[in-house]
N, C-alpha and C. Protein backbone atom coordinates (compact mmCIF):
# COMPACT_ATOMS: atom_id res chain seq x y z
N VAL A 1 103.55 94.45 103.81
CA VAL A 1 103.04 95.72 103.28
C VAL A 1 103.78 96.04 101.99
N GLN A 2 103.03 96.41 100.97
CA GLN A 2 103.64 96.72 99.68
C GLN A 2 102.91 97.89 99.03
N PHE A 3 103.70 98.78 98.41
CA PHE A 3 103.16 99.88 97.61
C PHE A 3 103.78 99.80 96.23
N VAL A 4 102.95 99.93 95.20
CA VAL A 4 103.43 99.95 93.84
C VAL A 4 102.93 101.23 93.18
N GLU A 5 103.86 102.16 92.94
CA GLU A 5 103.53 103.42 92.28
C GLU A 5 103.66 103.26 90.77
N SER A 6 102.79 103.94 90.03
CA SER A 6 102.83 103.89 88.57
C SER A 6 102.25 105.18 88.01
N GLY A 7 102.43 105.36 86.70
CA GLY A 7 101.85 106.51 86.01
C GLY A 7 102.81 107.63 85.69
N GLY A 8 104.04 107.50 86.14
CA GLY A 8 105.01 108.54 85.84
C GLY A 8 105.44 108.51 84.38
N GLY A 9 106.25 109.50 84.01
CA GLY A 9 106.74 109.56 82.65
C GLY A 9 107.32 110.92 82.33
N LEU A 10 107.55 111.15 81.04
CA LEU A 10 108.06 112.42 80.55
C LEU A 10 106.90 113.25 80.02
N VAL A 11 106.81 114.47 80.48
CA VAL A 11 105.71 115.35 80.06
C VAL A 11 106.25 116.75 79.86
N GLN A 12 105.65 117.49 78.95
CA GLN A 12 106.06 118.87 78.71
C GLN A 12 105.51 119.79 79.79
N PRO A 13 106.18 120.91 80.02
CA PRO A 13 105.64 121.89 80.97
C PRO A 13 104.21 122.28 80.60
N GLY A 14 103.36 122.36 81.62
CA GLY A 14 101.95 122.64 81.40
C GLY A 14 101.09 121.41 81.21
N GLY A 15 101.73 120.26 81.09
CA GLY A 15 101.00 119.01 80.88
C GLY A 15 100.48 118.41 82.17
N SER A 16 99.88 117.23 82.03
CA SER A 16 99.25 116.55 83.16
C SER A 16 99.68 115.08 83.21
N LEU A 17 99.66 114.54 84.42
CA LEU A 17 99.87 113.12 84.66
C LEU A 17 98.99 112.69 85.82
N ARG A 18 98.62 111.41 85.83
CA ARG A 18 97.90 110.84 86.97
C ARG A 18 98.69 109.67 87.51
N LEU A 19 99.14 109.79 88.74
CA LEU A 19 99.89 108.73 89.40
C LEU A 19 98.93 107.84 90.19
N SER A 20 99.29 106.57 90.29
CA SER A 20 98.55 105.62 91.10
C SER A 20 99.47 104.96 92.12
N CYS A 21 98.91 104.58 93.25
CA CYS A 21 99.64 103.85 94.29
C CYS A 21 98.76 102.68 94.71
N ALA A 22 99.13 101.49 94.29
CA ALA A 22 98.40 100.28 94.67
C ALA A 22 98.99 99.73 95.96
N ALA A 23 98.16 99.57 96.98
CA ALA A 23 98.63 99.14 98.30
C ALA A 23 98.12 97.74 98.63
N SER A 24 98.91 96.99 99.39
CA SER A 24 98.49 95.66 99.83
C SER A 24 99.21 95.30 101.13
N GLY A 25 98.67 94.31 101.83
CA GLY A 25 99.31 93.81 103.04
C GLY A 25 98.88 94.47 104.32
N PHE A 26 97.92 95.39 104.25
CA PHE A 26 97.40 96.03 105.45
C PHE A 26 95.98 96.50 105.13
N THR A 27 95.26 96.96 106.15
CA THR A 27 93.89 97.42 105.96
C THR A 27 93.93 98.85 105.44
N PHE A 28 93.93 98.98 104.13
CA PHE A 28 94.13 100.27 103.47
C PHE A 28 93.14 101.32 103.97
N SER A 29 91.89 100.94 104.12
CA SER A 29 90.84 101.90 104.47
C SER A 29 90.97 102.46 105.89
N SER A 30 91.88 101.91 106.68
CA SER A 30 92.06 102.37 108.06
C SER A 30 93.19 103.39 108.21
N TYR A 31 93.90 103.67 107.14
CA TYR A 31 95.08 104.52 107.23
C TYR A 31 94.99 105.75 106.34
N GLY A 32 95.45 106.87 106.89
CA GLY A 32 95.72 108.01 106.04
C GLY A 32 96.86 107.67 105.10
N MET A 33 96.92 108.36 103.98
CA MET A 33 97.96 108.09 102.99
C MET A 33 98.63 109.39 102.57
N ARG A 34 99.86 109.24 102.08
CA ARG A 34 100.65 110.42 101.72
C ARG A 34 101.40 110.19 100.41
N TRP A 35 101.54 111.25 99.64
CA TRP A 35 102.47 111.29 98.50
C TRP A 35 103.67 112.15 98.89
N TYR A 36 104.86 111.61 98.62
CA TYR A 36 106.10 112.35 98.78
C TYR A 36 106.78 112.44 97.41
N ARG A 37 107.77 113.31 97.31
CA ARG A 37 108.62 113.34 96.12
C ARG A 37 110.04 113.70 96.52
N GLN A 38 110.97 113.23 95.70
CA GLN A 38 112.38 113.56 95.91
C GLN A 38 113.00 113.92 94.58
N GLY A 39 113.31 115.19 94.42
CA GLY A 39 113.93 115.67 93.20
C GLY A 39 115.43 115.46 93.23
N PRO A 40 116.08 115.60 92.09
CA PRO A 40 117.53 115.40 92.02
C PRO A 40 118.27 116.38 92.92
N GLY A 41 119.07 115.82 93.84
CA GLY A 41 119.84 116.65 94.75
C GLY A 41 119.03 117.32 95.83
N LYS A 42 117.78 116.89 96.00
CA LYS A 42 116.91 117.52 97.00
C LYS A 42 116.49 116.52 98.07
N GLU A 43 116.04 117.05 99.21
CA GLU A 43 115.50 116.19 100.26
C GLU A 43 114.08 115.74 99.89
N ARG A 44 113.67 114.64 100.50
CA ARG A 44 112.32 114.15 100.27
C ARG A 44 111.31 115.16 100.82
N GLU A 45 110.28 115.42 100.06
CA GLU A 45 109.30 116.46 100.37
C GLU A 45 107.90 115.86 100.43
N LEU A 46 107.14 116.21 101.46
CA LEU A 46 105.74 115.80 101.54
C LEU A 46 104.92 116.65 100.57
N VAL A 47 104.18 116.00 99.69
CA VAL A 47 103.43 116.69 98.66
C VAL A 47 101.95 116.82 99.02
N ALA A 48 101.34 115.70 99.45
CA ALA A 48 99.90 115.72 99.71
C ALA A 48 99.54 114.62 100.70
N VAL A 49 98.48 114.87 101.43
CA VAL A 49 98.00 113.94 102.46
C VAL A 49 96.49 113.77 102.31
N ILE A 50 96.00 112.57 102.55
CA ILE A 50 94.56 112.31 102.54
C ILE A 50 94.22 111.42 103.73
N ASN A 51 93.08 111.68 104.35
CA ASN A 51 92.73 110.87 105.52
C ASN A 51 92.14 109.53 105.07
N SER A 52 91.84 108.67 106.05
CA SER A 52 91.45 107.29 105.71
C SER A 52 90.17 107.22 104.89
N ALA A 53 89.24 108.11 105.15
CA ALA A 53 87.96 108.09 104.42
C ALA A 53 88.01 108.87 103.11
N GLY A 54 89.05 109.67 102.96
CA GLY A 54 89.20 110.45 101.73
C GLY A 54 88.53 111.82 101.76
N GLY A 55 87.99 112.20 102.91
CA GLY A 55 87.27 113.46 102.97
C GLY A 55 88.10 114.67 103.34
N THR A 56 89.32 114.45 103.79
CA THR A 56 90.19 115.55 104.20
C THR A 56 91.53 115.43 103.48
N THR A 57 91.95 116.52 102.86
CA THR A 57 93.21 116.53 102.13
C THR A 57 94.01 117.77 102.50
N ASN A 58 95.32 117.66 102.35
CA ASN A 58 96.22 118.80 102.55
C ASN A 58 97.34 118.72 101.52
N TYR A 59 97.86 119.90 101.15
CA TYR A 59 98.86 119.97 100.09
C TYR A 59 100.01 120.89 100.49
N ALA A 60 101.18 120.59 99.95
CA ALA A 60 102.30 121.52 100.06
C ALA A 60 101.94 122.78 99.26
N ASP A 61 102.43 123.90 99.73
CA ASP A 61 102.14 125.16 99.04
C ASP A 61 102.59 125.12 97.58
N SER A 62 103.65 124.40 97.32
CA SER A 62 104.22 124.37 95.97
C SER A 62 103.32 123.69 94.94
N VAL A 63 102.35 122.88 95.41
CA VAL A 63 101.48 122.15 94.47
C VAL A 63 100.01 122.51 94.64
N LYS A 64 99.70 123.32 95.63
CA LYS A 64 98.30 123.65 95.90
C LYS A 64 97.65 124.30 94.69
N GLY A 65 96.46 123.83 94.34
CA GLY A 65 95.75 124.34 93.17
C GLY A 65 96.09 123.66 91.87
N ARG A 66 97.15 122.84 91.88
CA ARG A 66 97.56 122.13 90.66
C ARG A 66 97.43 120.62 90.81
N PHE A 67 97.66 120.10 92.00
CA PHE A 67 97.61 118.66 92.26
C PHE A 67 96.35 118.32 93.07
N THR A 68 95.81 117.12 92.83
CA THR A 68 94.66 116.62 93.59
C THR A 68 94.92 115.19 94.03
N ILE A 69 94.86 114.96 95.33
CA ILE A 69 95.02 113.61 95.89
C ILE A 69 93.64 113.01 96.09
N SER A 70 93.51 111.71 95.81
CA SER A 70 92.25 111.01 96.02
C SER A 70 92.54 109.54 96.30
N ARG A 71 91.52 108.80 96.66
CA ARG A 71 91.70 107.38 96.96
C ARG A 71 90.42 106.62 96.67
N ASP A 72 90.59 105.33 96.39
CA ASP A 72 89.46 104.42 96.19
C ASP A 72 89.69 103.26 97.15
N ASN A 73 89.02 103.27 98.28
CA ASN A 73 89.23 102.22 99.28
C ASN A 73 88.76 100.85 98.81
N GLY A 74 87.85 100.82 97.87
CA GLY A 74 87.41 99.54 97.32
C GLY A 74 88.47 98.88 96.45
N LYS A 75 89.40 99.70 95.93
CA LYS A 75 90.48 99.18 95.08
C LYS A 75 91.83 99.24 95.77
N ASN A 76 91.86 99.66 97.05
CA ASN A 76 93.14 99.79 97.78
C ASN A 76 94.14 100.63 96.99
N THR A 77 93.68 101.71 96.42
CA THR A 77 94.52 102.52 95.54
C THR A 77 94.35 104.00 95.85
N MET A 78 95.47 104.71 95.80
CA MET A 78 95.49 106.16 95.96
C MET A 78 95.98 106.77 94.65
N TYR A 79 95.56 108.00 94.40
CA TYR A 79 95.90 108.67 93.15
C TYR A 79 96.46 110.07 93.42
N LEU A 80 97.20 110.58 92.44
CA LEU A 80 97.64 111.97 92.46
C LEU A 80 97.48 112.52 91.04
N GLN A 81 96.48 113.37 90.86
CA GLN A 81 96.27 114.04 89.59
C GLN A 81 97.13 115.30 89.59
N MET A 82 98.03 115.40 88.62
CA MET A 82 98.96 116.52 88.55
C MET A 82 98.71 117.30 87.27
N ASN A 83 98.33 118.55 87.41
CA ASN A 83 98.06 119.43 86.28
C ASN A 83 99.03 120.61 86.28
N SER A 84 99.11 121.29 85.16
CA SER A 84 99.97 122.47 85.03
C SER A 84 101.38 122.18 85.55
N LEU A 85 101.94 121.09 85.09
CA LEU A 85 103.23 120.65 85.59
C LEU A 85 104.34 121.62 85.21
N LYS A 86 105.31 121.74 86.13
CA LYS A 86 106.44 122.63 85.96
C LYS A 86 107.73 121.82 86.04
N SER A 87 108.80 122.39 85.55
CA SER A 87 110.08 121.67 85.58
C SER A 87 110.49 121.31 87.01
N GLU A 88 110.13 122.16 87.95
CA GLU A 88 110.49 121.90 89.35
C GLU A 88 109.68 120.76 89.97
N ASP A 89 108.68 120.24 89.25
CA ASP A 89 107.95 119.06 89.73
C ASP A 89 108.69 117.77 89.39
N THR A 90 109.77 117.86 88.63
CA THR A 90 110.56 116.67 88.28
C THR A 90 111.09 116.01 89.55
N ALA A 91 110.75 114.73 89.73
CA ALA A 91 111.13 114.01 90.94
C ALA A 91 110.68 112.56 90.83
N VAL A 92 111.16 111.75 91.77
CA VAL A 92 110.58 110.44 92.00
C VAL A 92 109.46 110.63 93.01
N TYR A 93 108.28 110.13 92.67
CA TYR A 93 107.11 110.26 93.53
C TYR A 93 106.85 108.92 94.23
N LEU A 94 106.66 108.99 95.54
CA LEU A 94 106.49 107.79 96.37
C LEU A 94 105.26 107.94 97.25
N CYS A 95 104.64 106.81 97.56
CA CYS A 95 103.49 106.85 98.46
C CYS A 95 103.82 106.11 99.76
N LYS A 96 103.05 106.46 100.78
CA LYS A 96 103.29 105.90 102.12
C LYS A 96 102.01 105.98 102.93
N ALA A 97 101.81 105.01 103.80
CA ALA A 97 100.71 105.05 104.75
C ALA A 97 101.16 105.79 106.00
N THR A 98 100.34 106.68 106.50
CA THR A 98 100.69 107.42 107.71
C THR A 98 100.90 106.45 108.88
N GLY A 99 102.09 106.51 109.50
CA GLY A 99 102.37 105.68 110.66
C GLY A 99 103.00 104.33 110.37
N LEU A 100 103.09 103.95 109.10
CA LEU A 100 103.74 102.68 108.75
C LEU A 100 105.10 102.96 108.10
N PRO A 101 106.14 102.18 108.46
CA PRO A 101 107.51 102.46 108.01
C PRO A 101 107.87 101.81 106.67
N TYR A 102 106.96 101.78 105.73
CA TYR A 102 107.22 101.10 104.46
C TYR A 102 107.11 102.09 103.30
N TRP A 103 107.97 101.86 102.29
CA TRP A 103 107.97 102.69 101.09
C TRP A 103 107.93 101.81 99.85
N GLY A 104 107.36 102.36 98.79
CA GLY A 104 107.45 101.71 97.50
C GLY A 104 108.73 102.13 96.79
N GLN A 105 108.86 101.71 95.52
CA GLN A 105 110.04 102.05 94.72
C GLN A 105 109.91 103.45 94.10
N GLY A 106 108.70 103.91 93.98
CA GLY A 106 108.48 105.23 93.40
C GLY A 106 108.29 105.18 91.89
N THR A 107 107.80 106.28 91.34
CA THR A 107 107.64 106.42 89.91
C THR A 107 108.24 107.77 89.49
N GLN A 108 109.01 107.76 88.42
CA GLN A 108 109.74 108.95 87.98
C GLN A 108 108.83 109.85 87.16
N VAL A 109 108.82 111.12 87.52
CA VAL A 109 108.13 112.16 86.75
C VAL A 109 109.17 113.15 86.27
N THR A 110 109.21 113.34 84.97
CA THR A 110 110.15 114.30 84.38
C THR A 110 109.37 115.31 83.56
N VAL A 111 109.53 116.58 83.92
CA VAL A 111 108.84 117.65 83.21
C VAL A 111 109.88 118.43 82.43
N SER A 112 109.82 118.31 81.12
CA SER A 112 110.84 118.93 80.29
C SER A 112 110.33 119.11 78.87
N SER A 113 110.78 120.17 78.23
CA SER A 113 110.42 120.37 76.83
C SER A 113 111.48 119.76 75.91
């Protein structure tokens, strides 16, 4: 099982980024997927969840209305569209399949002017 996160970078407050999570080594379309983040000096936080078919999503209150999780089962890839970014969104963002004990390396998002 492998996850490769990408799309992070440095962005100004109010800007946008789109993260991708390319998955392999398991039947992607059979699993719910999750985005987590870990900011400097903070515990890992669940950001967003999507079910296996992509029809049900849930978000942490801190990102609701600004972030959108989606997936393309034909490409074995999950996405996180992040808008109206704030400095407190600065973190390493990681993806995970619900119920599987594997993590990717993550992608760094830095929101700063």
